[in-house]
Amino acid sequence: MAEATKDQQHPQYSTDRQTVNQLLAGDASDFNLVELARLMIRYEGFPGARDIQADLKKALTRWQLTEAELFERTRTLHQQGDIYKGLGRGREDWS
C-alpha cells in the first residue's frame, strides 16, 4: 500500500491553503508570523497536507527564522495583546 493513500485530508485544508499562499507571498509582519506559528502547530505531526507542511517550512526559511525563534517572537506578540483584534474573529482558531 502506498504511503500517500494513508494521508488524511485536514478539515481546514481549503482555508489553510489560502492562508499559506498569502504567507508565501507576504512578508514577516507580526500577523503573518502568528499565522505561520498557528498553522505550524496545527499541522505538526498531521498525517497529510504534505504540501502545506512543506510550504510552512519554506516561509520560515524565507523569513530566516528557526521554529524556536518563530515561537519565541509569537509568544511575545500574544503577550503584548490581541493580535487578532479587529479581524472579525470571535476566537483564535487553533483546531
C-alpha atoms as a PDB file:
ATOM      1  CA  MET A   1       0.000   0.000   0.000  1.00  0.00           C
ATOM      2  CA  ALA A   2       1.421   3.377  -0.976  1.00  0.00           C
ATOM      3  CA  GLU A   3       2.205   5.877   1.786  1.00  0.00           C
ATOM      4  CA  ALA A   4       0.124   8.598   0.112  1.00  0.00           C
ATOM      5  CA  THR A   5      -3.058   6.546   0.472  1.00  0.00           C
ATOM      6  CA  LYS A   6      -2.665   6.705   4.266  1.00  0.00           C
ATOM      7  CA  ASP A   7      -2.643  10.518   4.248  1.00  0.00           C
ATOM      8  CA  GLN A   8      -5.664  12.240   5.711  1.00  0.00           C
ATOM      9  CA  GLN A   9      -7.451  15.358   4.489  1.00  0.00           C
ATOM     10  CA  HIS A  10      -7.453  18.067   7.172  1.00  0.00           C
ATOM     11  CA  PRO A  11     -10.920  19.596   7.640  1.00  0.00           C
ATOM     12  CA  GLN A  12      -9.419  23.110   7.476  1.00  0.00           C
ATOM     13  CA  TYR A  13      -7.294  22.377   4.397  1.00  0.00           C
ATOM     14  CA  SER A  14      -9.014  24.741   1.926  1.00  0.00           C
ATOM     15  CA  THR A  15      -8.957  27.751   4.241  1.00  0.00           C
ATOM     16  CA  ASP A  16      -5.428  26.974   5.414  1.00  0.00           C
ATOM     17  CA  ARG A  17      -4.175  26.570   1.841  1.00  0.00           C
ATOM     18  CA  GLN A  18      -5.296  30.134   1.096  1.00  0.00           C
ATOM     19  CA  THR A  19      -3.581  31.401   4.249  1.00  0.00           C
ATOM     20  CA  VAL A  20      -0.364  29.579   3.369  1.00  0.00           C
ATOM     21  CA  ASN A  21      -0.419  31.093  -0.133  1.00  0.00           C
ATOM     22  CA  GLN A  22      -0.735  34.546   1.453  1.00  0.00           C
ATOM     23  CA  LEU A  23       2.160  33.784   3.801  1.00  0.00           C
ATOM     24  CA  LEU A  24       4.367  32.721   0.899  1.00  0.00           C
ATOM     25  CA  ALA A  25       3.547  35.942  -0.945  1.00  0.00           C
ATOM     26  CA  GLY A  26       3.858  38.165   2.122  1.00  0.00           C
ATOM     27  CA  ASP A  27       6.486  39.492   4.458  1.00  0.00           C
ATOM     28  CA  ALA A  28       7.321  38.626   8.056  1.00  0.00           C
ATOM     29  CA  SER A  29       4.748  41.001   9.564  1.00  0.00           C
ATOM     30  CA  ASP A  30       3.544  40.343  13.109  1.00  0.00           C
ATOM     31  CA  PHE A  31       0.243  38.980  11.816  1.00  0.00           C
ATOM     32  CA  ASN A  32       1.942  36.677   9.305  1.00  0.00           C
ATOM     33  CA  LEU A  33       4.298  35.388  11.984  1.00  0.00           C
ATOM     34  CA  VAL A  34       1.441  34.419  14.305  1.00  0.00           C
ATOM     35  CA  GLU A  35      -0.447  32.818  11.426  1.00  0.00           C
ATOM     36  CA  LEU A  36       2.646  30.816  10.466  1.00  0.00           C
ATOM     37  CA  ALA A  37       3.124  29.655  14.061  1.00  0.00           C
ATOM     38  CA  ARG A  38      -0.558  28.755  14.419  1.00  0.00           C
ATOM     39  CA  LEU A  39      -0.513  26.651  11.260  1.00  0.00           C
ATOM     40  CA  MET A  40       2.794  25.007  12.129  1.00  0.00           C
ATOM     41  CA  ILE A  41       1.259  23.900  15.435  1.00  0.00           C
ATOM     42  CA  ARG A  42      -1.902  22.683  13.685  1.00  0.00           C
ATOM     43  CA  TYR A  43      -0.050  20.588  11.104  1.00  0.00           C
ATOM     44  CA  GLU A  44       2.786  19.315  13.321  1.00  0.00           C
ATOM     45  CA  GLY A  45       2.645  15.534  13.023  1.00  0.00           C
ATOM     46  CA  PHE A  46      -0.545  15.598  10.936  1.00  0.00           C
ATOM     47  CA  PRO A  47      -0.604  12.598   8.568  1.00  0.00           C
ATOM     48  CA  GLY A  48      -1.380  14.512   5.398  1.00  0.00           C
ATOM     49  CA  ALA A  49      -1.386  18.009   3.885  1.00  0.00           C
ATOM     50  CA  ARG A  50       2.265  17.492   2.993  1.00  0.00           C
ATOM     51  CA  ASP A  51       2.170  20.463   0.606  1.00  0.00           C
ATOM     52  CA  ILE A  52       1.060  22.787   3.398  1.00  0.00           C
ATOM     53  CA  GLN A  53       3.690  21.415   5.769  1.00  0.00           C
ATOM     54  CA  ALA A  54       6.419  21.941   3.149  1.00  0.00           C
ATOM     55  CA  ASP A  55       5.215  25.466   2.333  1.00  0.00           C
ATOM     56  CA  LEU A  56       5.139  26.442   6.022  1.00  0.00           C
ATOM     57  CA  LYS A  57       8.795  25.435   6.244  1.00  0.00           C
ATOM     58  CA  LYS A  58       9.505  27.447   3.073  1.00  0.00           C
ATOM     59  CA  ALA A  59       8.000  30.572   4.659  1.00  0.00           C
ATOM     60  CA  LEU A  60      10.044  30.007   7.816  1.00  0.00           C
ATOM     61  CA  THR A  61      13.232  29.651   5.766  1.00  0.00           C
ATOM     62  CA  ARG A  62      12.376  32.644   3.587  1.00  0.00           C
ATOM     63  CA  TRP A  63      11.956  34.805   6.681  1.00  0.00           C
ATOM     64  CA  GLN A  64      15.258  33.430   8.040  1.00  0.00           C
ATOM     65  CA  LEU A  65      13.791  32.085  11.267  1.00  0.00           C
ATOM     66  CA  THR A  66      14.078  28.823  13.133  1.00  0.00           C
ATOM     67  CA  GLU A  67      10.978  27.284  14.680  1.00  0.00           C
ATOM     68  CA  ALA A  68      12.279  28.242  18.132  1.00  0.00           C
ATOM     69  CA  GLU A  69      12.762  31.879  17.045  1.00  0.00           C
ATOM     70  CA  LEU A  70       9.304  31.974  15.480  1.00  0.00           C
ATOM     71  CA  PHE A  71       7.617  30.631  18.605  1.00  0.00           C
ATOM     72  CA  GLU A  72       9.614  32.968  20.855  1.00  0.00           C
ATOM     73  CA  ARG A  73       8.587  36.001  18.795  1.00  0.00           C
ATOM     74  CA  THR A  74       4.953  34.973  18.557  1.00  0.00           C
ATOM     75  CA  ARG A  75       4.698  34.260  22.290  1.00  0.00           C
ATOM     76  CA  THR A  76       5.829  37.846  22.847  1.00  0.00           C
ATOM     77  CA  LEU A  77       3.274  39.137  20.335  1.00  0.00           C
ATOM     78  CA  HIS A  78       0.455  37.244  22.022  1.00  0.00           C
ATOM     79  CA  GLN A  79       1.535  38.543  25.443  1.00  0.00           C
ATOM     80  CA  GLN A  80       1.503  42.141  24.185  1.00  0.00           C
ATOM     81  CA  GLY A  81      -2.133  41.993  23.148  1.00  0.00           C
ATOM     82  CA  ASP A  82      -4.772  40.540  20.930  1.00  0.00           C
ATOM     83  CA  ILE A  83      -3.042  40.152  17.579  1.00  0.00           C
ATOM     84  CA  TYR A  84      -6.366  39.113  16.003  1.00  0.00           C
ATOM     85  CA  LYS A  85      -8.339  42.078  17.366  1.00  0.00           C
ATOM     86  CA  GLY A  86     -10.491  43.820  14.777  1.00  0.00           C
ATOM     87  CA  LEU A  87     -10.356  40.980  12.264  1.00  0.00           C
ATOM     88  CA  GLY A  88     -13.905  39.810  12.841  1.00  0.00           C
ATOM     89  CA  ARG A  89     -12.848  36.615  14.563  1.00  0.00           C
ATOM     90  CA  GLY A  90     -14.659  35.655  17.716  1.00  0.00           C
ATOM     91  CA  ARG A  91     -11.807  33.424  18.801  1.00  0.00           C
ATOM     92  CA  GLU A  92      -8.399  32.225  17.759  1.00  0.00           C
ATOM     93  CA  ASP A  93      -8.596  29.182  15.501  1.00  0.00           C
ATOM     94  CA  TRP A  94      -6.135  26.591  16.818  1.00  0.00           C
ATOM     95  CA  SER A  95      -8.125  23.463  15.986  1.00  0.00           C
END
